[in-house]
């Protein structure tokens, strides 16, 4: 069973994720601010990896005029997103699938949070290119995920993130995690954004093994 189809993982996602990602609520708040700098008051925002709905809820609360198109490959996580949105659910169109399930747009901004680290380099580049193609010129993309600090052992930083999350077997778990996640270096992450067509790339978030960037289409 895939992790995000596991009923136990889905049931505990909303409570567990903030404990795993330092400053998650602040990350969502910063992402909304960065998107709003370039998006109109009545914006259409693309959310790739929308399962769970935590960022959708934060964005909807921050910007009452925004509408959302969310895609995620897990039906169970999309169901959770719908429940998490609560009264905001009518403002979100949630679709099962990857970026290919998203309409052509153009969108006024996009996010891809805690998602790209699951994709290998080729699929990550393809996903970023498809996001870029769906954004209007000048729109912002905000991404955040595990990224290996240049010149450092990625396992060490993953271990620190797992320790933050309260995992008592962090070093062992980090070694297994490093084998599963195709994490890139921060240099490669930024290079992929440029290769996908984005410019004005800036790091705005760094927390143990997590990094976040804003870029412009």
C-alpha atoms as a PDB file:
ATOM      1  CA  UNK A   1       0.000   0.000   0.000  1.00  0.00           C
ATOM      2  CA  UNK A   2       1.321   3.456  -0.902  1.00  0.00           C
ATOM      3  CA  UNK A   3       1.845   5.661   2.173  1.00  0.00           C
ATOM      4  CA  UNK A   4      -0.684   8.304   1.194  1.00  0.00           C
ATOM      5  CA  UNK A   5      -3.333   5.652   0.611  1.00  0.00           C
ATOM      6  CA  UNK A   6      -2.780   4.125   4.060  1.00  0.00           C
ATOM      7  CA  UNK A   7      -5.840   5.010   6.200  1.00  0.00           C
ATOM      8  CA  UNK A   8      -3.648   5.502   9.276  1.00  0.00           C
ATOM      9  CA  UNK A   9      -1.321   7.912   7.460  1.00  0.00           C
ATOM     10  CA  UNK A  10      -4.233   9.862   6.010  1.00  0.00           C
ATOM     11  CA  UNK A  11      -6.064  10.016   9.357  1.00  0.00           C
ATOM     12  CA  UNK A  12      -2.995  11.377  11.137  1.00  0.00           C
ATOM     13  CA  UNK A  13      -1.691  13.664   8.385  1.00  0.00           C
ATOM     14  CA  UNK A  14      -3.105  16.971   9.633  1.00  0.00           C
ATOM     15  CA  UNK A  15      -1.715  16.429  13.120  1.00  0.00           C
ATOM     16  CA  UNK A  16       1.594  14.782  12.168  1.00  0.00           C
ATOM     17  CA  UNK A  17       2.814  17.015   9.343  1.00  0.00           C
ATOM     18  CA  UNK A  18       3.272  20.232  11.391  1.00  0.00           C
ATOM     19  CA  UNK A  19       5.419  18.204  13.782  1.00  0.00           C
ATOM     20  CA  UNK A  20       7.656  17.041  10.921  1.00  0.00           C
ATOM     21  CA  UNK A  21       8.119  20.329   9.055  1.00  0.00           C
ATOM     22  CA  UNK A  22       9.551  23.196  11.110  1.00  0.00           C
ATOM     23  CA  UNK A  23       7.355  26.265  10.921  1.00  0.00           C
ATOM     24  CA  UNK A  24       4.807  24.699   8.572  1.00  0.00           C
ATOM     25  CA  UNK A  25       2.073  27.234   9.339  1.00  0.00           C
ATOM     26  CA  UNK A  26       4.563  30.055   8.779  1.00  0.00           C
ATOM     27  CA  UNK A  27       5.676  28.431   5.521  1.00  0.00           C
ATOM     28  CA  UNK A  28       2.071  28.532   4.323  1.00  0.00           C
ATOM     29  CA  UNK A  29       1.726  32.151   5.428  1.00  0.00           C
ATOM     30  CA  UNK A  30       4.933  33.152   3.632  1.00  0.00           C
ATOM     31  CA  UNK A  31       3.824  31.297   0.492  1.00  0.00           C
ATOM     32  CA  UNK A  32       0.543  33.240   0.481  1.00  0.00           C
ATOM     33  CA  UNK A  33       2.423  36.537   0.844  1.00  0.00           C
ATOM     34  CA  UNK A  34       4.792  35.690  -2.013  1.00  0.00           C
ATOM     35  CA  UNK A  35       1.946  34.634  -4.309  1.00  0.00           C
ATOM     36  CA  UNK A  36      -0.089  37.734  -3.450  1.00  0.00           C
ATOM     37  CA  UNK A  37       2.732  40.039  -4.553  1.00  0.00           C
ATOM     38  CA  UNK A  38       2.034  39.043  -8.157  1.00  0.00           C
ATOM     39  CA  UNK A  39      -1.545  37.730  -8.079  1.00  0.00           C
ATOM     40  CA  UNK A  40      -4.738  39.794  -8.383  1.00  0.00           C
ATOM     41  CA  UNK A  41      -7.297  39.919  -5.592  1.00  0.00           C
ATOM     42  CA  UNK A  42      -9.485  37.480  -7.537  1.00  0.00           C
ATOM     43  CA  UNK A  43      -6.798  34.981  -8.515  1.00  0.00           C
ATOM     44  CA  UNK A  44      -6.817  31.426  -9.792  1.00  0.00           C
ATOM     45  CA  UNK A  45      -4.095  29.490  -7.971  1.00  0.00           C
ATOM     46  CA  UNK A  46      -2.735  26.090  -9.002  1.00  0.00           C
ATOM     47  CA  UNK A  47      -1.790  23.808  -6.094  1.00  0.00           C
ATOM     48  CA  UNK A  48       0.239  20.742  -7.102  1.00  0.00           C
ATOM     49  CA  UNK A  49       0.270  18.089  -4.391  1.00  0.00           C
ATOM     50  CA  UNK A  50      -2.895  19.465  -2.814  1.00  0.00           C
ATOM     51  CA  UNK A  51      -3.703  16.358  -0.760  1.00  0.00           C
ATOM     52  CA  UNK A  52      -4.370  17.024   2.901  1.00  0.00           C
ATOM     53  CA  UNK A  53      -5.497  20.567   2.182  1.00  0.00           C
ATOM     54  CA  UNK A  54      -3.414  22.352   4.835  1.00  0.00           C
ATOM     55  CA  UNK A  55      -1.990  24.961   2.460  1.00  0.00           C
ATOM     56  CA  UNK A  56      -5.313  25.295   0.653  1.00  0.00           C
ATOM     57  CA  UNK A  57      -7.021  26.134   3.933  1.00  0.00           C
ATOM     58  CA  UNK A  58      -4.311  28.645   4.840  1.00  0.00           C
ATOM     59  CA  UNK A  59      -4.447  30.341   1.425  1.00  0.00           C
ATOM     60  CA  UNK A  60      -8.246  30.471   1.400  1.00  0.00           C
ATOM     61  CA  UNK A  61      -8.267  32.024   4.856  1.00  0.00           C
ATOM     62  CA  UNK A  62      -5.635  34.616   3.875  1.00  0.00           C
ATOM     63  CA  UNK A  63      -7.101  35.629   0.503  1.00  0.00           C
ATOM     64  CA  UNK A  64     -10.923  35.595   0.319  1.00  0.00           C
ATOM     65  CA  UNK A  65     -10.971  36.300  -3.430  1.00  0.00           C
ATOM     66  CA  UNK A  66      -8.753  33.419  -4.511  1.00  0.00           C
ATOM     67  CA  UNK A  67     -10.003  30.255  -6.228  1.00  0.00           C
ATOM     68  CA  UNK A  68      -7.978  27.054  -6.363  1.00  0.00           C
ATOM     69  CA  UNK A  69      -7.306  24.143  -8.683  1.00  0.00           C
ATOM     70  CA  UNK A  70      -5.665  21.351  -6.708  1.00  0.00           C
ATOM     71  CA  UNK A  71      -4.222  18.095  -8.047  1.00  0.00           C
ATOM     72  CA  UNK A  72      -2.951  15.078  -6.126  1.00  0.00           C
ATOM     73  CA  UNK A  73      -2.406  11.413  -7.076  1.00  0.00           C
ATOM     74  CA  UNK A  74      -4.043  10.119  -3.868  1.00  0.00           C
ATOM     75  CA  UNK A  75      -7.840   9.994  -3.767  1.00  0.00           C
ATOM     76  CA  UNK A  76      -7.722   9.500   0.001  1.00  0.00           C
ATOM     77  CA  UNK A  77      -5.635  12.639   0.476  1.00  0.00           C
ATOM     78  CA  UNK A  78      -7.951  14.639  -1.768  1.00  0.00           C
ATOM     79  CA  UNK A  79     -10.886  13.527   0.366  1.00  0.00           C
ATOM     80  CA  UNK A  80      -8.981  14.771   3.403  1.00  0.00           C
ATOM     81  CA  UNK A  81      -8.303  18.081   1.622  1.00  0.00           C
ATOM     82  CA  UNK A  82     -12.015  18.525   0.978  1.00  0.00           C
ATOM     83  CA  UNK A  83     -12.756  17.937   4.667  1.00  0.00           C
ATOM     84  CA  UNK A  84      -9.925  20.220   5.771  1.00  0.00           C
ATOM     85  CA  UNK A  85     -11.228  23.052   3.596  1.00  0.00           C
ATOM     86  CA  UNK A  86     -14.600  22.942   5.316  1.00  0.00           C
ATOM     87  CA  UNK A  87     -16.564  26.072   4.384  1.00  0.00           C
ATOM     88  CA  UNK A  88     -13.896  27.013   1.837  1.00  0.00           C
ATOM     89  CA  UNK A  89     -14.461  23.829  -0.198  1.00  0.00           C
ATOM     90  CA  UNK A  90     -16.662  25.514  -2.856  1.00  0.00           C
ATOM     91  CA  UNK A  91     -13.666  27.687  -3.844  1.00  0.00           C
ATOM     92  CA  UNK A  92     -11.488  24.665  -4.684  1.00  0.00           C
ATOM     93  CA  UNK A  93     -11.659  22.307  -7.649  1.00  0.00           C
ATOM     94  CA  UNK A  94      -9.800  19.160  -6.551  1.00  0.00           C
ATOM     95  CA  UNK A  95      -8.718  16.678  -9.225  1.00  0.00           C
ATOM     96  CA  UNK A  96      -7.125  13.263  -8.980  1.00  0.00           C
ATOM     97  CA  UNK A  97      -3.762  12.983 -10.724  1.00  0.00           C
ATOM     98  CA  UNK A  98      -0.446  14.687 -11.289  1.00  0.00           C
ATOM     99  CA  UNK A  99       0.200  18.007 -13.041  1.00  0.00           C
ATOM    100  CA  UNK A 100      -1.255  16.476 -16.206  1.00  0.00           C
ATOM    101  CA  UNK A 101      -4.701  16.539 -14.566  1.00  0.00           C
ATOM    102  CA  UNK A 102      -4.575  20.330 -14.287  1.00  0.00           C
ATOM    103  CA  UNK A 103      -6.239  22.431 -17.005  1.00  0.00           C
ATOM    104  CA  UNK A 104      -4.175  24.710 -19.224  1.00  0.00           C
ATOM    105  CA  UNK A 105      -4.882  27.840 -17.204  1.00  0.00           C
ATOM    106  CA  UNK A 106      -3.426  30.399 -17.295  1.00  0.00           C
ATOM    107  CA  UNK A 107      -3.131  30.547 -13.520  1.00  0.00           C
ATOM    108  CA  UNK A 108      -2.160  33.598 -11.467  1.00  0.00           C
ATOM    109  CA  UNK A 109       0.214  31.648  -9.216  1.00  0.00           C
ATOM    110  CA  UNK A 110       1.155  28.126  -8.197  1.00  0.00           C
ATOM    111  CA  UNK A 111       2.574  26.152  -5.299  1.00  0.00           C
ATOM    112  CA  UNK A 112       4.164  22.731  -4.987  1.00  0.00           C
ATOM    113  CA  UNK A 113       4.877  22.105  -1.310  1.00  0.00           C
ATOM    114  CA  UNK A 114       6.378  18.929   0.205  1.00  0.00           C
ATOM    115  CA  UNK A 115       5.969  17.139  -3.112  1.00  0.00           C
ATOM    116  CA  UNK A 116       8.926  17.487  -5.489  1.00  0.00           C
ATOM    117  CA  UNK A 117      11.263  15.436  -3.278  1.00  0.00           C
ATOM    118  CA  UNK A 118       9.245  12.344  -4.253  1.00  0.00           C
ATOM    119  CA  UNK A 119      10.122  12.813  -7.952  1.00  0.00           C
ATOM    120  CA  UNK A 120      13.348  11.903  -9.711  1.00  0.00           C
ATOM    121  CA  UNK A 121      15.187  14.617 -11.611  1.00  0.00           C
ATOM    122  CA  UNK A 122      13.560  13.985 -14.993  1.00  0.00           C
ATOM    123  CA  UNK A 123      10.009  13.848 -13.639  1.00  0.00           C
ATOM    124  CA  UNK A 124      10.682  16.871 -11.447  1.00  0.00           C
ATOM    125  CA  UNK A 125      11.850  18.888 -14.456  1.00  0.00           C
ATOM    126  CA  UNK A 126       8.837  17.782 -16.491  1.00  0.00           C
ATOM    127  CA  UNK A 127       6.495  18.767 -13.661  1.00  0.00           C
ATOM    128  CA  UNK A 128       8.103  22.193 -13.302  1.00  0.00           C
ATOM    129  CA  UNK A 129       7.896  22.785 -17.047  1.00  0.00           C
ATOM    130  CA  UNK A 130       4.200  21.845 -17.057  1.00  0.00           C
ATOM    131  CA  UNK A 131       3.545  24.204 -14.148  1.00  0.00           C
ATOM    132  CA  UNK A 132       5.404  26.984 -15.973  1.00  0.00           C
ATOM    133  CA  UNK A 133       3.359  26.383 -19.113  1.00  0.00           C
ATOM    134  CA  UNK A 134       0.152  26.874 -17.124  1.00  0.00           C
ATOM    135  CA  UNK A 135       1.155  30.153 -15.477  1.00  0.00           C
ATOM    136  CA  UNK A 136       0.593  33.598 -16.886  1.00  0.00           C
ATOM    137  CA  UNK A 137       3.828  35.533 -17.488  1.00  0.00           C
ATOM    138  CA  UNK A 138       5.014  37.181 -14.284  1.00  0.00           C
ATOM    139  CA  UNK A 139       3.131  34.817 -11.969  1.00  0.00           C
ATOM    140  CA  UNK A 140       4.915  33.335  -8.965  1.00  0.00           C
ATOM    141  CA  UNK A 141       5.649  29.706  -8.159  1.00  0.00           C
ATOM    142  CA  UNK A 142       6.435  28.704  -4.569  1.00  0.00           C
ATOM    143  CA  UNK A 143       8.081  25.334  -3.899  1.00  0.00           C
ATOM    144  CA  UNK A 144       9.394  23.713  -0.708  1.00  0.00           C
ATOM    145  CA  UNK A 145      10.755  20.223  -0.083  1.00  0.00           C
ATOM    146  CA  UNK A 146      13.724  18.227   1.207  1.00  0.00           C
ATOM    147  CA  UNK A 147      16.925  19.458  -0.429  1.00  0.00           C
ATOM    148  CA  UNK A 148      20.478  18.290   0.262  1.00  0.00           C
ATOM    149  CA  UNK A 149      22.669  21.138   1.436  1.00  0.00           C
ATOM    150  CA  UNK A 150      25.558  21.551  -0.996  1.00  0.00           C
ATOM    151  CA  UNK A 151      28.686  19.727   0.148  1.00  0.00           C
ATOM    152  CA  UNK A 152      26.982  18.049   3.102  1.00  0.00           C
ATOM    153  CA  UNK A 153      25.870  14.513   3.776  1.00  0.00           C
ATOM    154  CA  UNK A 154      22.105  14.508   3.042  1.00  0.00           C
ATOM    155  CA  UNK A 155      21.557  11.704   5.551  1.00  0.00           C
ATOM    156  CA  UNK A 156      22.847  13.909   8.360  1.00  0.00           C
ATOM    157  CA  UNK A 157      20.335  16.643   7.588  1.00  0.00           C
ATOM    158  CA  UNK A 158      17.489  14.186   7.131  1.00  0.00           C
ATOM    159  CA  UNK A 159      18.404  12.715  10.500  1.00  0.00           C
ATOM    160  CA  UNK A 160      18.150  16.154  12.079  1.00  0.00           C
ATOM    161  CA  UNK A 161      14.689  16.652  10.544  1.00  0.00           C
ATOM    162  CA  UNK A 162      13.578  13.264  11.837  1.00  0.00           C
ATOM    163  CA  UNK A 163      14.928  14.117  15.277  1.00  0.00           C
ATOM    164  CA  UNK A 164      12.894  17.336  15.155  1.00  0.00           C
ATOM    165  CA  UNK A 165       9.859  15.176  14.324  1.00  0.00           C
ATOM    166  CA  UNK A 166      10.498  13.057  17.423  1.00  0.00           C
ATOM    167  CA  UNK A 167      11.713   9.909  15.676  1.00  0.00           C
ATOM    168  CA  UNK A 168      13.805   7.964  18.235  1.00  0.00           C
ATOM    169  CA  UNK A 169      15.587   6.018  15.478  1.00  0.00           C
ATOM    170  CA  UNK A 170      16.447   9.086  13.395  1.00  0.00           C
ATOM    171  CA  UNK A 171      19.907   8.050  12.071  1.00  0.00           C
ATOM    172  CA  UNK A 172      18.721   4.633  10.864  1.00  0.00           C
ATOM    173  CA  UNK A 173      15.460   6.018   9.495  1.00  0.00           C
ATOM    174  CA  UNK A 174      17.320   8.824   7.718  1.00  0.00           C
ATOM    175  CA  UNK A 175      19.549   6.360   5.862  1.00  0.00           C
ATOM    176  CA  UNK A 176      16.475   4.507   4.575  1.00  0.00           C
ATOM    177  CA  UNK A 177      14.758   7.790   3.746  1.00  0.00           C
ATOM    178  CA  UNK A 178      17.753   8.988   1.726  1.00  0.00           C
ATOM    179  CA  UNK A 179      17.514   5.836  -0.399  1.00  0.00           C
ATOM    180  CA  UNK A 180      13.803   6.397  -1.081  1.00  0.00           C
ATOM    181  CA  UNK A 181      13.795  10.145  -1.732  1.00  0.00           C
ATOM    182  CA  UNK A 182      15.657  11.427  -4.805  1.00  0.00           C
ATOM    183  CA  UNK A 183      16.632  14.647  -3.024  1.00  0.00           C
ATOM    184  CA  UNK A 184      18.750  17.027  -5.096  1.00  0.00           C
ATOM    185  CA  UNK A 185      21.292  19.530  -3.902  1.00  0.00           C
ATOM    186  CA  UNK A 186      20.105  23.099  -3.462  1.00  0.00           C
ATOM    187  CA  UNK A 187      22.245  24.030  -6.470  1.00  0.00           C
ATOM    188  CA  UNK A 188      20.481  21.412  -8.621  1.00  0.00           C
ATOM    189  CA  UNK A 189      17.071  22.492  -7.323  1.00  0.00           C
ATOM    190  CA  UNK A 190      17.687  26.049  -8.460  1.00  0.00           C
ATOM    191  CA  UNK A 191      19.151  24.873 -11.783  1.00  0.00           C
ATOM    192  CA  UNK A 192      16.000  22.855 -12.500  1.00  0.00           C
ATOM    193  CA  UNK A 193      13.797  25.881 -11.872  1.00  0.00           C
ATOM    194  CA  UNK A 194      15.860  27.866 -14.386  1.00  0.00           C
ATOM    195  CA  UNK A 195      15.803  24.991 -16.886  1.00  0.00           C
ATOM    196  CA  UNK A 196      12.016  24.845 -16.586  1.00  0.00           C
ATOM    197  CA  UNK A 197      11.821  28.505 -17.609  1.00  0.00           C
ATOM    198  CA  UNK A 198      11.585  30.323 -14.260  1.00  0.00           C
ATOM    199  CA  UNK A 199      13.583  33.420 -13.346  1.00  0.00           C
ATOM    200  CA  UNK A 200      14.155  35.629 -10.283  1.00  0.00           C
ATOM    201  CA  UNK A 201      14.667  32.495  -8.184  1.00  0.00           C
ATOM    202  CA  UNK A 202      15.124  33.256  -4.488  1.00  0.00           C
ATOM    203  CA  UNK A 203      15.478  31.097  -1.400  1.00  0.00           C
ATOM    204  CA  UNK A 204      13.018  32.223   1.280  1.00  0.00           C
ATOM    205  CA  UNK A 205      12.806  29.257   3.646  1.00  0.00           C
ATOM    206  CA  UNK A 206      15.432  26.969   5.178  1.00  0.00           C
ATOM    207  CA  UNK A 207      14.730  24.569   8.033  1.00  0.00           C
ATOM    208  CA  UNK A 208      17.069  21.616   8.621  1.00  0.00           C
ATOM    209  CA  UNK A 209      16.683  19.459   5.465  1.00  0.00           C
ATOM    210  CA  UNK A 210      13.855  21.571   4.019  1.00  0.00           C
ATOM    211  CA  UNK A 211      14.322  24.429   1.545  1.00  0.00           C
ATOM    212  CA  UNK A 212      11.799  26.700  -0.125  1.00  0.00           C
ATOM    213  CA  UNK A 213      12.075  28.966  -3.169  1.00  0.00           C
ATOM    214  CA  UNK A 214       9.949  31.533  -4.956  1.00  0.00           C
ATOM    215  CA  UNK A 215      10.377  31.914  -8.713  1.00  0.00           C
ATOM    216  CA  UNK A 216       8.732  33.900 -11.491  1.00  0.00           C
ATOM    217  CA  UNK A 217       7.259  32.525 -14.725  1.00  0.00           C
END
